[in-house]
C-alpha atoms as a PDB file:
ATOM      1  CA  MET A   1       0.000   0.000   0.000  1.00  0.00           C
ATOM      2  CA  GLU A   2       1.361   3.373  -1.028  1.00  0.00           C
ATOM      3  CA  LYS A   3       0.562   5.177   2.247  1.00  0.00           C
ATOM      4  CA  VAL A   4       2.435   2.527   4.238  1.00  0.00           C
ATOM      5  CA  ASP A   5       5.387   2.736   1.830  1.00  0.00           C
ATOM      6  CA  GLN A   6       5.466   6.514   2.338  1.00  0.00           C
ATOM      7  CA  TYR A   7       5.196   6.101   6.114  1.00  0.00           C
ATOM      8  CA  ILE A   8       8.148   3.680   6.197  1.00  0.00           C
ATOM      9  CA  GLU A   9      10.162   5.939   3.911  1.00  0.00           C
ATOM     10  CA  LYS A  10       9.654   8.935   6.244  1.00  0.00           C
ATOM     11  CA  ILE A  11      10.196   7.356   9.664  1.00  0.00           C
ATOM     12  CA  LYS A  12      13.583   7.940  11.238  1.00  0.00           C
ATOM     13  CA  ASN A  13      13.451   5.246  13.925  1.00  0.00           C
ATOM     14  CA  TRP A  14      12.401   1.608  13.754  1.00  0.00           C
ATOM     15  CA  LYS A  15      12.447   1.432   9.941  1.00  0.00           C
ATOM     16  CA  GLU A  16      13.881  -2.110   9.677  1.00  0.00           C
ATOM     17  CA  GLU A  17      11.677  -3.321  12.518  1.00  0.00           C
ATOM     18  CA  THR A  18       8.570  -1.870  10.846  1.00  0.00           C
ATOM     19  CA  ILE A  19       9.481  -3.557   7.539  1.00  0.00           C
ATOM     20  CA  LEU A  20       9.864  -6.921   9.313  1.00  0.00           C
ATOM     21  CA  LEU A  21       6.589  -6.580  11.224  1.00  0.00           C
ATOM     22  CA  ARG A  22       4.813  -5.557   8.018  1.00  0.00           C
ATOM     23  CA  GLU A  23       6.143  -8.634   6.276  1.00  0.00           C
ATOM     24  CA  ILE A  24       4.931 -10.899   9.110  1.00  0.00           C
ATOM     25  CA  CYS A  25       1.445  -9.355   9.091  1.00  0.00           C
ATOM     26  CA  LEU A  26       1.107  -9.717   5.327  1.00  0.00           C
ATOM     27  CA  LYS A  27       2.336 -13.340   5.428  1.00  0.00           C
ATOM     28  CA  CYS A  28      -0.427 -14.045   7.962  1.00  0.00           C
ATOM     29  CA  GLY A  29      -2.952 -13.075   5.273  1.00  0.00           C
ATOM     30  CA  LEU A  30      -3.952  -9.717   6.748  1.00  0.00           C
ATOM     31  CA  GLU A  31      -4.979  -6.810   4.561  1.00  0.00           C
ATOM     32  CA  GLU A  32      -2.853  -3.687   4.796  1.00  0.00           C
ATOM     33  CA  ASP A  33      -4.412  -0.329   5.597  1.00  0.00           C
ATOM     34  CA  PHE A  34      -3.259   2.980   7.044  1.00  0.00           C
ATOM     35  CA  LYS A  35      -5.208   4.197  10.077  1.00  0.00           C
ATOM     36  CA  TRP A  36      -4.422   6.570  12.922  1.00  0.00           C
ATOM     37  CA  MET A  37      -1.299   7.609  10.998  1.00  0.00           C
ATOM     38  CA  HIS A  38       0.166   4.073  11.230  1.00  0.00           C
ATOM     39  CA  PRO A  39       0.229   0.815   9.278  1.00  0.00           C
ATOM     40  CA  CYS A  40      -2.834  -1.172  10.314  1.00  0.00           C
ATOM     41  CA  TYR A  41      -3.609  -4.762   9.401  1.00  0.00           C
ATOM     42  CA  THR A  42      -7.154  -6.040   9.125  1.00  0.00           C
ATOM     43  CA  PHE A  43      -9.103  -9.245   8.597  1.00  0.00           C
ATOM     44  CA  GLN A  44     -12.390  -8.900   6.707  1.00  0.00           C
ATOM     45  CA  GLY A  45     -12.412  -5.192   7.533  1.00  0.00           C
ATOM     46  CA  LYS A  46     -11.799  -5.715  11.263  1.00  0.00           C
ATOM     47  CA  ASN A  47      -8.680  -4.210  12.878  1.00  0.00           C
ATOM     48  CA  ILE A  48      -6.253  -6.864  14.079  1.00  0.00           C
ATOM     49  CA  VAL A  49      -2.869  -5.170  14.628  1.00  0.00           C
ATOM     50  CA  LEU A  50      -1.204  -1.789  14.271  1.00  0.00           C
ATOM     51  CA  ILE A  51       2.534  -1.112  13.960  1.00  0.00           C
ATOM     52  CA  HIS A  52       3.786   1.931  15.787  1.00  0.00           C
ATOM     53  CA  GLY A  53       7.073   3.305  17.020  1.00  0.00           C
ATOM     54  CA  PHE A  54       7.856   5.135  20.220  1.00  0.00           C
ATOM     55  CA  LYS A  55      11.041   6.662  21.547  1.00  0.00           C
ATOM     56  CA  GLU A  56      12.329   3.553  23.341  1.00  0.00           C
ATOM     57  CA  TYR A  57      10.598   0.791  21.385  1.00  0.00           C
ATOM     58  CA  CYS A  58       8.418  -0.146  18.459  1.00  0.00           C
ATOM     59  CA  ALA A  59       5.331  -2.245  18.971  1.00  0.00           C
ATOM     60  CA  LEU A  60       2.774  -4.464  17.399  1.00  0.00           C
ATOM     61  CA  LEU A  61      -0.531  -3.409  18.967  1.00  0.00           C
ATOM     62  CA  PHE A  62      -3.269  -6.026  19.042  1.00  0.00           C
ATOM     63  CA  HIS A  63      -6.637  -4.253  19.059  1.00  0.00           C
ATOM     64  CA  LYS A  64      -8.280  -7.019  21.111  1.00  0.00           C
ATOM     65  CA  GLY A  65      -5.109  -8.131  22.847  1.00  0.00           C
ATOM     66  CA  ALA A  66      -6.895  -8.448  26.190  1.00  0.00           C
ATOM     67  CA  LEU A  67      -8.677 -11.506  24.738  1.00  0.00           C
ATOM     68  CA  LEU A  68      -5.516 -13.296  23.631  1.00  0.00           C
ATOM     69  CA  ASN A  69      -4.102 -16.238  25.556  1.00  0.00           C
ATOM     70  CA  ASP A  70      -0.612 -14.628  25.832  1.00  0.00           C
ATOM     71  CA  ALA A  71       1.097 -18.006  26.276  1.00  0.00           C
ATOM     72  CA  ASN A  72       4.529 -16.358  26.078  1.00  0.00           C
ATOM     73  CA  ASN A  73       3.688 -13.524  28.478  1.00  0.00           C
ATOM     74  CA  LEU A  74       4.592 -10.855  25.904  1.00  0.00           C
ATOM     75  CA  LEU A  75       1.516  -8.627  25.870  1.00  0.00           C
ATOM     76  CA  ILE A  76       1.748  -5.273  27.612  1.00  0.00           C
ATOM     77  CA  GLN A  77      -1.120  -3.020  28.630  1.00  0.00           C
ATOM     78  CA  GLN A  78       0.076   0.442  27.575  1.00  0.00           C
ATOM     79  CA  THR A  79      -1.597   2.268  30.483  1.00  0.00           C
ATOM     80  CA  GLU A  80      -3.974   1.133  33.212  1.00  0.00           C
ATOM     81  CA  ASN A  81      -6.899   2.781  31.400  1.00  0.00           C
ATOM     82  CA  VAL A  82      -6.442   0.858  28.144  1.00  0.00           C
ATOM     83  CA  GLN A  83      -9.146  -1.784  28.237  1.00  0.00           C
ATOM     84  CA  SER A  84      -8.778  -3.779  25.015  1.00  0.00           C
ATOM     85  CA  ALA A  85      -5.477  -3.244  23.202  1.00  0.00           C
ATOM     86  CA  ARG A  86      -2.185  -4.885  24.143  1.00  0.00           C
ATOM     87  CA  GLN A  87       1.307  -4.459  22.692  1.00  0.00           C
ATOM     88  CA  ILE A  88       4.258  -6.669  21.993  1.00  0.00           C
ATOM     89  CA  ARG A  89       7.274  -4.364  22.253  1.00  0.00           C
ATOM     90  CA  PHE A  90      10.592  -4.657  20.466  1.00  0.00           C
ATOM     91  CA  ILE A  91      13.845  -2.785  20.999  1.00  0.00           C
ATOM     92  CA  ASN A  92      15.732  -4.200  18.016  1.00  0.00           C
ATOM     93  CA  GLU A  93      15.404  -6.095  14.755  1.00  0.00           C
ATOM     94  CA  GLN A  94      16.868  -9.306  16.174  1.00  0.00           C
ATOM     95  CA  GLU A  95      14.046  -9.639  18.712  1.00  0.00           C
ATOM     96  CA  ILE A  96      11.528  -9.690  15.870  1.00  0.00           C
ATOM     97  CA  ILE A  97      13.569 -12.245  13.934  1.00  0.00           C
ATOM     98  CA  ASP A  98      13.872 -14.471  17.036  1.00  0.00           C
ATOM     99  CA  LEU A  99      10.141 -14.194  17.819  1.00  0.00           C
ATOM    100  CA  LYS A 100       8.837 -14.473  14.250  1.00  0.00           C
ATOM    101  CA  ALA A 101       6.982 -17.778  14.816  1.00  0.00           C
ATOM    102  CA  VAL A 102       5.548 -16.548  18.137  1.00  0.00           C
ATOM    103  CA  ILE A 103       4.411 -13.264  16.580  1.00  0.00           C
ATOM    104  CA  LYS A 104       2.650 -15.205  13.812  1.00  0.00           C
ATOM    105  CA  ALA A 105       0.935 -17.397  16.408  1.00  0.00           C
ATOM    106  CA  TYR A 106      -0.360 -14.279  18.208  1.00  0.00           C
ATOM    107  CA  VAL A 107      -1.584 -12.787  14.910  1.00  0.00           C
ATOM    108  CA  PHE A 108      -3.386 -16.027  13.984  1.00  0.00           C
ATOM    109  CA  GLU A 109      -4.960 -16.147  17.443  1.00  0.00           C
ATOM    110  CA  ALA A 110      -6.115 -12.519  17.019  1.00  0.00           C
ATOM    111  CA  ILE A 111      -7.671 -13.464  13.678  1.00  0.00           C
ATOM    112  CA  GLU A 112      -9.526 -16.342  15.368  1.00  0.00           C
ATOM    113  CA  VAL A 113     -10.814 -13.965  18.059  1.00  0.00           C
ATOM    114  CA  GLU A 114     -12.264 -11.837  15.249  1.00  0.00           C
ATOM    115  CA  LYS A 115     -13.647 -14.807  13.323  1.00  0.00           C
ATOM    116  CA  VAL A 116     -15.691 -16.004  16.307  1.00  0.00           C
ATOM    117  CA  GLY A 117     -16.802 -12.453  17.116  1.00  0.00           C
ATOM    118  CA  LEU A 118     -15.379 -12.121  20.623  1.00  0.00           C
ATOM    119  CA  GLU A 119     -15.665  -8.671  22.190  1.00  0.00           C
ATOM    120  CA  VAL A 120     -13.817  -7.115  25.112  1.00  0.00           C
ATOM    121  CA  LYS A 121     -16.211  -6.308  27.943  1.00  0.00           C
ATOM    122  CA  MET A 122     -15.600  -2.607  28.321  1.00  0.00           C
ATOM    123  CA  LYS A 123     -15.982  -0.866  31.642  1.00  0.00           C
ATOM    124  CA  LYS A 124     -19.119   1.305  31.601  1.00  0.00           C
ATOM    125  CA  THR A 125     -18.862   4.992  32.399  1.00  0.00           C
ATOM    126  CA  SER A 126     -21.096   4.401  35.429  1.00  0.00           C
ATOM    127  CA  GLU A 127     -18.418   2.063  36.830  1.00  0.00           C
ATOM    128  CA  TYR A 128     -15.883   4.910  37.085  1.00  0.00           C
ATOM    129  CA  GLU A 129     -15.731   6.687  40.407  1.00  0.00           C
ATOM    130  CA  ILE A 130     -16.864  10.306  40.428  1.00  0.00           C
ATOM    131  CA  PRO A 131     -14.320  12.378  42.363  1.00  0.00           C
ATOM    132  CA  HIS A 132     -15.674  13.957  45.558  1.00  0.00           C
ATOM    133  CA  GLU A 133     -14.799  17.427  44.223  1.00  0.00           C
ATOM    134  CA  LEU A 134     -16.957  16.882  41.139  1.00  0.00           C
ATOM    135  CA  GLU A 135     -19.896  15.668  43.246  1.00  0.00           C
ATOM    136  CA  GLU A 136     -19.582  18.837  45.380  1.00  0.00           C
ATOM    137  CA  THR A 137     -19.445  20.987  42.242  1.00  0.00           C
ATOM    138  CA  PHE A 138     -22.611  19.283  40.952  1.00  0.00           C
ATOM    139  CA  LYS A 139     -24.423  20.070  44.251  1.00  0.00           C
ATOM    140  CA  ASN A 140     -23.597  23.759  43.811  1.00  0.00           C
ATOM    141  CA  ASN A 141     -24.128  23.808  40.056  1.00  0.00           C
ATOM    142  CA  PRO A 142     -26.978  21.518  38.874  1.00  0.00           C
ATOM    143  CA  GLU A 143     -26.704  22.950  35.346  1.00  0.00           C
ATOM    144  CA  LEU A 144     -23.152  21.621  35.143  1.00  0.00           C
ATOM    145  CA  GLU A 145     -24.329  18.208  36.341  1.00  0.00           C
ATOM    146  CA  THR A 146     -27.007  18.142  33.628  1.00  0.00           C
ATOM    147  CA  ALA A 147     -24.496  19.240  30.976  1.00  0.00           C
ATOM    148  CA  PHE A 148     -21.997  16.606  32.164  1.00  0.00           C
ATOM    149  CA  PHE A 149     -24.491  13.743  32.012  1.00  0.00           C
ATOM    150  CA  ASN A 150     -25.682  14.940  28.593  1.00  0.00           C
ATOM    151  CA  LEU A 151     -22.146  14.292  27.268  1.00  0.00           C
ATOM    152  CA  THR A 152     -21.466  11.035  25.451  1.00  0.00           C
ATOM    153  CA  PRO A 153     -20.253   8.226  27.742  1.00  0.00           C
ATOM    154  CA  GLY A 154     -16.777   8.472  26.199  1.00  0.00           C
ATOM    155  CA  ARG A 155     -16.538  12.190  26.949  1.00  0.00           C
ATOM    156  CA  GLN A 156     -17.748  11.634  30.517  1.00  0.00           C
ATOM    157  CA  LYS A 157     -15.147   8.921  30.995  1.00  0.00           C
ATOM    158  CA  GLY A 158     -12.416  11.196  29.622  1.00  0.00           C
ATOM    159  CA  TYR A 159     -13.235  13.881  32.155  1.00  0.00           C
ATOM    160  CA  LEU A 160     -13.534  11.410  35.043  1.00  0.00           C
ATOM    161  CA  LEU A 161     -10.108   9.965  34.249  1.00  0.00           C
ATOM    162  CA  TYR A 162      -8.577  13.426  33.846  1.00  0.00           C
ATOM    163  CA  PHE A 163     -10.025  14.721  37.119  1.00  0.00           C
ATOM    164  CA  SER A 164      -9.166  11.558  39.059  1.00  0.00           C
ATOM    165  CA  GLN A 165      -5.538  11.472  37.925  1.00  0.00           C
ATOM    166  CA  ALA A 166      -4.759  14.583  39.971  1.00  0.00           C
ATOM    167  CA  LYS A 167      -3.271  13.611  43.323  1.00  0.00           C
ATOM    168  CA  GLN A 168      -4.298  16.735  45.230  1.00  0.00           C
ATOM    169  CA  SER A 169      -7.824  17.964  45.828  1.00  0.00           C
ATOM    170  CA  LYS A 170      -6.949  21.537  44.830  1.00  0.00           C
ATOM    171  CA  THR A 171      -5.666  20.271  41.473  1.00  0.00           C
ATOM    172  CA  ARG A 172      -8.875  18.298  40.898  1.00  0.00           C
ATOM    173  CA  ILE A 173     -10.915  21.444  41.717  1.00  0.00           C
ATOM    174  CA  SER A 174      -8.789  23.500  39.331  1.00  0.00           C
ATOM    175  CA  ARG A 175      -9.235  20.953  36.549  1.00  0.00           C
ATOM    176  CA  ILE A 176     -12.997  20.875  37.082  1.00  0.00           C
ATOM    177  CA  ASP A 177     -13.207  24.688  37.004  1.00  0.00           C
ATOM    178  CA  LYS A 178     -11.167  24.878  33.794  1.00  0.00           C
ATOM    179  CA  ALA A 179     -13.300  22.144  32.169  1.00  0.00           C
ATOM    180  CA  LYS A 180     -16.659  23.811  32.833  1.00  0.00           C
ATOM    181  CA  PRO A 181     -16.833  25.822  29.567  1.00  0.00           C
ATOM    182  CA  LYS A 182     -16.065  22.733  27.459  1.00  0.00           C
ATOM    183  CA  ILE A 183     -18.606  20.638  29.350  1.00  0.00           C
ATOM    184  CA  PHE A 184     -21.285  23.268  28.732  1.00  0.00           C
ATOM    185  CA  GLU A 185     -20.311  23.263  25.027  1.00  0.00           C
ATOM    186  CA  GLY A 186     -20.728  19.477  24.912  1.00  0.00           C
ATOM    187  CA  LYS A 187     -17.048  18.923  24.170  1.00  0.00           C
ATOM    188  CA  GLY A 188     -14.697  16.269  25.503  1.00  0.00           C
ATOM    189  CA  HIS A 189     -11.590  16.910  27.554  1.00  0.00           C
ATOM    190  CA  ASN A 190      -9.220  16.711  24.569  1.00  0.00           C
ATOM    191  CA  GLU A 191     -11.462  18.502  22.068  1.00  0.00           C
ATOM    192  CA  ILE A 192     -10.678  21.998  20.913  1.00  0.00           C
END
């Protein structure tokens, strides 16, 4: 695919690793696409894996990695809030060469997960704890509470995670105050 060729041509780090991972994905019978600014490999239109590079490593991200057996204990949850995706990380080309058969086995397992239609049970927004400071703000500002609960579940979750990540109460209060205009506009935390 031309977009993937251009992507590989432009990247400064992990070029050889990306080429190897691409080759493995294609040999597993996946279709090549370019999504989220990265090479993405699909099966019957369903996302299976994504290749992406970071500063210290490159990774093969399995979209439903949480459902894989992980017999070799290779899958990494990027952050505690990532519910479905899991990565296999590489720091050099030789690791990919050494793990080629294992990588293929994980890809084939991911394809099977898609074939049988398994889905990751995602945590509902209502299962996230509402910070005390936000509950207090809602008591004093019912319009904000209404606006907040009129947001999409994903936007609500984004705010709850953002507010909760602050260690100090005064920081949570500050974040809530700064978010009020966006909440009233119906926008998510990261929306402009």
